[in-house]
Protein backbone atom coordinates (compact mmCIF):
# COMPACT_ATOMS: atom_id res chain seq x y z
CA UNK A 1 87.14 77.00 101.72
CA UNK A 2 89.44 74.45 100.26
CA UNK A 3 92.83 74.53 100.89
CA UNK A 4 95.28 73.07 98.36
CA UNK A 5 98.94 74.54 99.09
CA UNK A 6 100.28 74.11 102.56
CA UNK A 7 103.70 74.51 104.60
CA UNK A 8 106.81 72.81 103.37
CA UNK A 9 107.70 70.22 106.52
CA UNK A 10 110.84 71.52 107.03
CA UNK A 11 108.96 75.09 107.79
CA UNK A 12 106.60 73.47 109.98
CA UNK A 13 109.72 71.64 111.73
CA UNK A 14 111.53 75.42 111.88
CA UNK A 15 108.35 76.60 113.15
CA UNK A 16 107.75 74.07 116.04
CA UNK A 17 111.72 74.87 117.03
CA UNK A 18 110.94 78.48 117.07
CA UNK A 19 113.68 79.56 114.59
CA UNK A 20 111.86 81.16 112.38
CA UNK A 21 112.10 84.99 112.21
CA UNK A 22 109.06 86.84 113.59
CA UNK A 23 107.64 87.76 110.26
CA UNK A 24 108.01 84.32 108.98
CA UNK A 25 106.73 82.97 112.17
CA UNK A 26 103.11 85.00 111.87
CA UNK A 27 102.76 83.86 108.18
CA UNK A 28 102.90 80.18 109.48
CA UNK A 29 100.24 80.97 112.82
CA UNK A 30 97.90 82.68 110.15
CA UNK A 31 97.73 79.88 107.78
CA UNK A 32 97.68 77.03 110.81
CA UNK A 33 94.41 78.93 112.18
CA UNK A 34 93.10 78.57 108.64
CA UNK A 35 94.28 75.36 107.99
CA UNK A 36 93.19 71.80 109.98
CA UNK A 37 95.48 69.66 108.02
CA UNK A 38 99.10 71.85 108.83
CA UNK A 39 97.77 72.33 112.17
CA UNK A 40 97.73 68.23 112.54
CA UNK A 41 101.28 67.75 111.15
CA UNK A 42 102.27 71.01 113.39
CA UNK A 43 101.28 69.19 116.73
CA UNK A 44 103.14 65.88 115.41
CA UNK A 45 106.09 68.20 115.04
CA UNK A 46 106.05 70.00 117.88
CA UNK A 47 105.36 66.15 119.94
CA UNK A 48 108.58 65.32 118.30
CA UNK A 49 110.36 68.05 119.55
CA UNK A 50 108.85 67.49 123.32
CA UNK A 51 110.44 63.86 123.03
CA UNK A 52 113.65 64.96 121.82
CA UNK A 53 113.90 67.41 124.80
CA UNK A 54 112.88 64.61 127.21
CA UNK A 55 115.70 62.55 126.16
CA UNK A 56 118.49 65.25 126.71
CA UNK A 57 120.53 65.04 129.62
CA UNK A 58 119.98 67.72 132.54
CA UNK A 59 122.39 70.67 132.45
CA UNK A 60 124.14 71.57 135.42
CA UNK A 61 123.54 75.15 137.19
CA UNK A 62 125.37 77.20 139.35
CA UNK A 63 124.08 77.12 143.22
CA UNK A 64 122.93 80.44 142.96
CA UNK A 65 120.86 80.25 140.13
CA UNK A 66 117.40 80.04 141.83
CA UNK A 67 118.39 83.01 144.04
CA UNK A 68 119.21 85.18 140.81
CA UNK A 69 116.11 84.01 139.25
CA UNK A 70 113.86 84.84 142.76
CA UNK A 71 116.14 88.28 142.44
CA UNK A 72 115.04 89.05 138.74
CA UNK A 73 111.29 87.97 139.47
CA UNK A 74 111.22 90.76 142.61
CA UNK A 75 113.06 93.20 140.42
CA UNK A 76 110.30 96.35 139.62
CA UNK A 77 108.84 95.95 135.69
CA UNK A 78 107.89 99.02 133.76
CA UNK A 79 105.17 98.61 131.56
CA UNK A 80 105.79 99.61 128.24
CA UNK A 81 104.38 102.34 126.70
CA UNK A 82 101.47 101.79 124.10
CA UNK A 83 100.37 103.25 121.29
CA UNK A 84 96.64 104.30 120.63
CA UNK A 85 96.70 101.85 117.03
CA UNK A 86 98.23 98.88 119.21
CA UNK A 87 95.63 98.14 121.72
CA UNK A 88 92.79 98.57 119.31
CA UNK A 89 91.47 95.44 117.90
CA UNK A 90 89.09 95.11 115.00
CA UNK A 91 86.40 92.50 113.77
CA UNK A 92 86.92 91.24 110.10
CA UNK A 93 86.25 88.02 109.11
CA UNK A 94 89.09 87.89 106.55
CA UNK A 95 91.83 88.19 108.87
CA UNK A 96 93.44 85.54 110.48
CA UNK A 97 93.54 85.76 114.28
CA UNK A 98 97.09 86.10 114.70
CA UNK A 99 97.07 89.12 112.10
CA UNK A 100 95.36 90.87 114.93
CA UNK A 101 98.07 91.35 117.08
CA UNK A 102 100.15 93.12 114.43
CA UNK A 103 96.96 94.89 111.97
CA UNK A 104 94.74 97.17 113.55
CA UNK A 105 92.68 97.94 110.42
CA UNK A 106 90.38 95.66 108.59
CA UNK A 107 91.25 95.38 105.16
CA UNK A 108 89.06 98.20 103.71
CA UNK A 109 90.64 100.36 105.99
CA UNK A 110 94.49 99.74 105.78
CA UNK A 111 96.72 102.86 104.80
CA UNK A 112 97.78 101.31 101.62
CA UNK A 113 100.84 102.89 100.05
CA UNK A 114 100.76 102.67 96.21
CA UNK A 115 103.75 100.86 94.96
CA UNK A 116 102.89 101.26 90.78
CA UNK A 117 99.50 101.14 89.29
CA UNK A 118 97.36 98.38 90.54
CA UNK A 119 99.94 97.56 93.40
CA UNK A 120 99.79 98.73 96.88
CA UNK A 121 101.14 97.40 100.28
CA UNK A 122 101.55 98.08 104.04
CA UNK A 123 104.68 97.22 105.84
CA UNK A 124 104.23 95.06 108.95
CA UNK A 125 106.36 95.73 111.57
CA UNK A 126 107.66 92.91 113.42
CA UNK A 127 111.06 91.54 111.18
CA UNK A 128 114.33 92.86 110.91
CA UNK A 129 116.51 91.10 107.65
CA UNK A 130 113.85 90.60 105.53
CA UNK A 131 110.29 92.18 104.40
CA UNK A 132 106.91 91.37 106.12
CA UNK A 133 103.89 93.16 104.86
CA UNK A 134 100.22 93.04 103.03
CA UNK A 135 100.45 93.16 99.29
CA UNK A 136 96.88 94.35 97.54
CA UNK A 137 97.04 93.41 93.75
CA UNK A 138 94.17 94.65 91.06
CA UNK A 139 93.01 92.09 88.88
CA UNK A 140 94.68 91.09 85.81
CA UNK A 141 98.14 92.62 87.59
CA UNK A 142 101.51 90.68 87.78
CA UNK A 143 104.32 91.10 89.61
CA UNK A 144 107.94 90.77 87.96
CA UNK A 145 109.58 87.75 87.56
CA UNK A 146 111.65 86.50 90.14
CA UNK A 147 113.43 83.76 92.27
CA UNK A 148 114.58 84.11 95.92
CA UNK A 149 118.12 84.48 97.62
CA UNK A 150 116.36 83.00 100.67
CA UNK A 151 112.82 81.65 101.74
CA UNK A 152 109.61 83.66 101.00
CA UNK A 153 106.12 82.69 102.49
CA UNK A 154 102.95 83.99 100.88
CA UNK A 155 99.39 83.50 102.35
CA UNK A 156 96.40 84.62 100.42
CA UNK A 157 93.68 86.17 102.37
CA UNK A 158 91.38 87.47 99.46
CA UNK A 159 91.18 86.69 95.67
CA UNK A 160 93.52 84.37 93.96
CA UNK A 161 96.59 84.56 92.08
CA UNK A 162 98.17 82.30 89.37
CA UNK A 163 101.90 81.10 88.64
CA UNK A 164 104.04 78.36 87.74
CA UNK A 165 103.34 76.49 90.46
CA UNK A 166 99.63 76.68 90.36
CA UNK A 167 96.63 79.02 91.39
CA UNK A 168 96.72 79.91 95.12
CA UNK A 169 93.41 81.03 96.60
CA UNK A 170 92.04 82.03 100.21
CA UNK A 171 94.10 80.08 102.89
CA UNK A 172 96.72 78.76 100.26
CA UNK A 173 100.23 79.56 101.47
CA UNK A 174 102.90 79.56 99.01
CA UNK A 175 106.03 78.26 100.43
CA UNK A 176 109.50 79.14 97.91
CA UNK A 177 112.84 78.63 98.17
CA UNK A 178 116.07 79.44 95.95
CA UNK A 179 114.86 76.82 93.62
CA UNK A 180 111.63 78.47 92.26
CA UNK A 181 111.29 81.22 89.82
CA UNK A 182 107.87 82.71 89.12
CA UNK A 183 105.51 85.65 88.12
CA UNK A 184 102.20 85.79 90.06
CA UNK A 185 99.18 86.84 88.18
CA UNK A 186 96.05 87.77 89.64
CA UNK A 187 93.25 86.15 88.23
CA UNK A 188 90.31 86.83 90.37
CA UNK A 189 87.88 89.48 89.23
CA UNK A 190 88.41 91.25 93.21
CA UNK A 191 91.50 92.64 94.37
CA UNK A 192 94.37 90.00 95.52
CA UNK A 193 95.44 90.45 98.95
CA UNK A 194 98.44 88.34 100.87
CA UNK A 195 100.47 88.45 103.56
CA UNK A 196 104.42 88.03 102.48
CA UNK A 197 107.31 87.33 104.35
CA UNK A 198 110.52 86.92 103.22
CA UNK A 199 113.85 86.62 105.07
CA UNK A 200 116.14 87.52 101.90
CA UNK A 201 115.90 90.03 99.43
CA UNK A 202 114.04 88.59 96.11
CA UNK A 203 116.76 88.11 93.30
CA UNK A 204 114.90 89.71 89.94
CA UNK A 205 115.19 88.21 87.08
CA UNK A 206 114.75 91.13 84.03
CA UNK A 207 116.09 94.34 83.94
CA UNK A 208 113.44 96.30 84.93
CA UNK A 209 113.18 94.07 87.98
CA UNK A 210 116.46 94.95 89.32
CA UNK A 211 116.13 98.48 88.31
CA UNK A 212 112.91 99.34 90.66
CA UNK A 213 113.98 97.00 93.46
CA UNK A 214 115.35 99.84 95.35
CA UNK A 215 111.93 100.89 95.21
CA UNK A 216 109.72 98.41 95.74
CA UNK A 217 111.72 97.48 99.26
CA UNK A 218 112.03 93.78 98.38
C-alpha cells in the first residue's frame, strides 16, 4: 500500500493536544494505523507537547486535594449497560483497528442506508456538532460540488476517488478546510468506501446541493 496523501501538520498537532472532536480523532487514529510516515510525525508532535508540559510551572492545589481524590476512587462505580453489538468485534483486514471499537460489522455486513442511487452511508455514533460516517459510493458516481464551513477528514478504506486535489486510494486521507472546493468522483471499478468526519456542515455550491442538504445530513 502506497499512501500519497497525508494529514496536515495542524491536524496532527490538534490530535496530539487532544483538541480534536471524537469523530475527527477517530479518522486520524485510523490513518495513523495505516501510515508509518504520519505515525512518526505524530510521535514528534507528542514529544514536543511533552517538553512544553515539563516547562510549565507547577500549579498550586488545595490541601484537601489528595483526600478528595482518594474519596472519589473509593466511591462505588456502576458498570455501564452494554448493548449486544457493542461488545462484538469483527475481523476484517480492510478495517483499521481503531474503527473496530465503533463498528461491529465487516464492510460486507454494514447495514447501509441508501441516500440516492449508488450512494449509501452508515452513521457512526461518536460525535456531536458534526458528522461521522462511512460512505459507500458506486463506480462512476460523484458527490455534489461543495466546500466546507469547517474541517473535513476523509480516509479511503476501499476503492478510490479523484477530485480537484488528486487521486485518493486506500490509506490516503483528504484533510480539507474552507479553502477547498471539490467534487469527488469514484474512479475505481469497485465501490469506494470512506470514513468521513466533519466538524461543521458542508457548504454546497449548487442549488441542487443546497436543496438536498437536509436529506443528506451533511
